[in-house]
Amino acid sequence: MSYLIKDTTPEERQLLVEKALAISLSGANAPSKDVLDLVYEYIDGRKELEEIQKEVIAKYKKEDAE
């Protein structure tokens, strides 16, 4: 299955995000508001998952460096 915006509906993206968040919460802390804001950009069709992943990685690398 393709998770690209062009291949999914907003409802499918919402369901995907809900499943991913449920899995991540089973073994870690809740995502920050910044990360959740990025996730909603995917659901709304403004950013692809790959873009969001890169931004989240950069955010945490920056925080680790500080």
N, C-alpha and C. Protein backbone atom coordinates (compact mmCIF):
# COMPACT_ATOMS: atom_id res chain seq x y z
N MET A 1 0.84 -1.18 0.00
CA MET A 1 0.00 0.00 0.00
C MET A 1 0.89 1.25 0.00
N SER A 2 0.48 2.20 -0.77
CA SER A 2 1.19 3.48 -0.81
C SER A 2 0.57 4.44 0.20
N TYR A 3 1.42 5.12 0.95
CA TYR A 3 0.94 6.09 1.93
C TYR A 3 1.10 7.53 1.44
N LEU A 4 1.41 7.68 0.15
CA LEU A 4 1.54 9.00 -0.42
C LEU A 4 0.19 9.72 -0.40
N ILE A 5 0.23 11.02 -0.29
CA ILE A 5 -0.99 11.81 -0.24
C ILE A 5 -1.85 11.54 -1.47
N LYS A 6 -1.23 11.45 -2.64
CA LYS A 6 -1.99 11.26 -3.88
C LYS A 6 -2.70 9.90 -3.92
N ASP A 7 -2.26 8.96 -3.11
CA ASP A 7 -2.83 7.62 -3.11
C ASP A 7 -3.76 7.34 -1.93
N THR A 8 -4.01 8.33 -1.10
CA THR A 8 -4.82 8.13 0.09
C THR A 8 -5.83 9.25 0.26
N THR A 9 -6.89 8.95 0.97
CA THR A 9 -7.88 9.97 1.32
C THR A 9 -7.52 10.52 2.70
N PRO A 10 -8.05 11.67 3.05
CA PRO A 10 -7.82 12.18 4.41
C PRO A 10 -8.25 11.17 5.48
N GLU A 11 -9.33 10.46 5.24
CA GLU A 11 -9.81 9.48 6.21
C GLU A 11 -8.82 8.33 6.37
N GLU A 12 -8.23 7.88 5.27
CA GLU A 12 -7.23 6.82 5.33
C GLU A 12 -5.98 7.31 6.07
N ARG A 13 -5.58 8.55 5.81
CA ARG A 13 -4.41 9.09 6.50
C ARG A 13 -4.68 9.23 7.99
N GLN A 14 -5.88 9.65 8.36
CA GLN A 14 -6.26 9.76 9.77
C GLN A 14 -6.17 8.40 10.45
N LEU A 15 -6.70 7.37 9.82
CA LEU A 15 -6.66 6.02 10.39
C LEU A 15 -5.23 5.53 10.53
N LEU A 16 -4.42 5.78 9.53
CA LEU A 16 -3.01 5.39 9.59
C LEU A 16 -2.31 6.06 10.77
N VAL A 17 -2.56 7.35 10.94
CA VAL A 17 -1.94 8.10 12.04
C VAL A 17 -2.42 7.57 13.38
N GLU A 18 -3.71 7.30 13.50
CA GLU A 18 -4.24 6.77 14.76
C GLU A 18 -3.59 5.44 15.12
N LYS A 19 -3.43 4.56 14.14
CA LYS A 19 -2.78 3.27 14.40
C LYS A 19 -1.32 3.46 14.79
N ALA A 20 -0.62 4.34 14.08
CA ALA A 20 0.80 4.58 14.39
C ALA A 20 0.97 5.18 15.78
N LEU A 21 0.11 6.11 16.15
CA LEU A 21 0.20 6.72 17.48
C LEU A 21 -0.10 5.70 18.57
N ALA A 22 -1.07 4.83 18.33
CA ALA A 22 -1.39 3.80 19.32
C ALA A 22 -0.19 2.88 19.54
N ILE A 23 0.48 2.51 18.47
CA ILE A 23 1.66 1.65 18.59
C ILE A 23 2.78 2.38 19.32
N SER A 24 3.00 3.63 18.96
CA SER A 24 4.11 4.36 19.59
C SER A 24 3.86 4.62 21.06
N LEU A 25 2.61 4.83 21.44
CA LEU A 25 2.30 5.09 22.85
C LEU A 25 2.46 3.86 23.73
N SER A 26 2.47 2.68 23.12
CA SER A 26 2.60 1.47 23.92
C SER A 26 4.01 1.31 24.49
N GLY A 27 4.99 2.02 23.93
CA GLY A 27 6.34 1.85 24.42
C GLY A 27 7.11 3.14 24.61
N ALA A 28 6.43 4.28 24.54
CA ALA A 28 7.15 5.55 24.65
C ALA A 28 6.22 6.64 25.16
N ASN A 29 6.79 7.80 25.33
CA ASN A 29 6.00 8.96 25.74
C ASN A 29 5.16 9.45 24.57
N ALA A 30 4.16 10.22 24.88
CA ALA A 30 3.32 10.82 23.84
C ALA A 30 4.15 11.79 23.00
N PRO A 31 3.83 11.89 21.73
CA PRO A 31 4.55 12.84 20.87
C PRO A 31 4.32 14.27 21.35
N SER A 32 5.29 15.13 21.07
CA SER A 32 5.16 16.53 21.44
C SER A 32 4.11 17.21 20.56
N LYS A 33 3.68 18.38 20.99
CA LYS A 33 2.72 19.16 20.20
C LYS A 33 3.30 19.48 18.82
N ASP A 34 4.59 19.78 18.75
CA ASP A 34 5.24 20.07 17.47
C ASP A 34 5.11 18.89 16.51
N VAL A 35 5.35 17.71 17.02
CA VAL A 35 5.27 16.51 16.19
C VAL A 35 3.83 16.26 15.77
N LEU A 36 2.90 16.41 16.68
CA LEU A 36 1.49 16.22 16.33
C LEU A 36 1.04 17.22 15.28
N ASP A 37 1.51 18.45 15.38
CA ASP A 37 1.18 19.46 14.38
C ASP A 37 1.66 19.02 12.99
N LEU A 38 2.85 18.43 12.94
CA LEU A 38 3.37 17.93 11.67
C LEU A 38 2.50 16.78 11.14
N VAL A 39 2.06 15.93 12.03
CA VAL A 39 1.23 14.79 11.63
C VAL A 39 -0.07 15.28 10.99
N TYR A 40 -0.64 16.33 11.55
CA TYR A 40 -1.88 16.86 10.97
C TYR A 40 -1.63 17.48 9.60
N GLU A 41 -0.43 17.90 9.32
CA GLU A 41 -0.11 18.39 7.98
C GLU A 41 -0.18 17.24 6.97
N TYR A 42 0.19 16.04 7.40
CA TYR A 42 0.04 14.86 6.53
C TYR A 42 -1.44 14.53 6.33
N ILE A 43 -2.17 14.49 7.41
CA ILE A 43 -3.60 14.17 7.31
C ILE A 43 -4.30 15.16 6.38
N ASP A 44 -3.95 16.43 6.50
CA ASP A 44 -4.57 17.47 5.68
C ASP A 44 -4.03 17.50 4.25
N GLY A 45 -3.02 16.68 3.96
CA GLY A 45 -2.49 16.60 2.61
C GLY A 45 -1.49 17.67 2.25
N ARG A 46 -0.85 18.28 3.24
CA ARG A 46 0.11 19.35 2.97
C ARG A 46 1.56 18.88 2.97
N LYS A 47 1.86 17.78 3.66
CA LYS A 47 3.23 17.26 3.71
C LYS A 47 3.20 15.75 3.66
N GLU A 48 4.16 15.19 2.93
CA GLU A 48 4.29 13.74 2.86
C GLU A 48 4.97 13.22 4.14
N LEU A 49 4.77 11.94 4.42
CA LEU A 49 5.37 11.33 5.60
C LEU A 49 6.89 11.46 5.60
N GLU A 50 7.49 11.32 4.44
CA GLU A 50 8.95 11.42 4.35
C GLU A 50 9.43 12.81 4.80
N GLU A 51 8.72 13.85 4.41
CA GLU A 51 9.09 15.21 4.83
C GLU A 51 8.97 15.35 6.35
N ILE A 52 7.90 14.82 6.88
CA ILE A 52 7.66 14.91 8.33
C ILE A 52 8.73 14.14 9.08
N GLN A 53 9.06 12.96 8.60
CA GLN A 53 10.10 12.16 9.25
C GLN A 53 11.42 12.93 9.30
N LYS A 54 11.79 13.55 8.21
CA LYS A 54 13.03 14.32 8.18
C LYS A 54 12.99 15.47 9.17
N GLU A 55 11.85 16.16 9.25
CA GLU A 55 11.73 17.29 10.18
C GLU A 55 11.81 16.83 11.64
N VAL A 56 11.17 15.71 11.94
CA VAL A 56 11.19 15.20 13.32
C VAL A 56 12.60 14.77 13.70
N ILE A 57 13.29 14.08 12.81
CA ILE A 57 14.67 13.66 13.08
C ILE A 57 15.56 14.88 13.30
N ALA A 58 15.41 15.88 12.45
CA ALA A 58 16.21 17.10 12.60
C ALA A 58 15.91 17.80 13.92
N LYS A 59 14.64 17.81 14.32
CA LYS A 59 14.24 18.45 15.58
C LYS A 59 14.92 17.77 16.77
N TYR A 60 14.89 16.45 16.78
CA TYR A 60 15.48 15.74 17.92
C TYR A 60 17.00 15.77 17.90
N LYS A 61 17.60 15.78 16.73
CA LYS A 61 19.04 15.93 16.65
C LYS A 61 19.46 17.27 17.21
N LYS A 62 18.70 18.30 16.87
CA LYS A 62 19.00 19.66 17.35
C LYS A 62 18.87 19.70 18.88
N GLU A 63 17.81 19.10 19.41
CA GLU A 63 17.61 19.09 20.86
C GLU A 63 18.72 18.32 21.57
N ASP A 64 19.17 17.23 20.99
CA ASP A 64 20.26 16.44 21.59
C ASP A 64 21.57 17.21 21.60
N ALA A 65 21.77 18.05 20.59
CA ALA A 65 23.01 18.83 20.49
C ALA A 65 23.05 19.98 21.50
N GLU A 66 21.90 20.38 21.97
CA GLU A 66 21.84 21.53 22.90
C GLU A 66 22.16 21.15 24.31
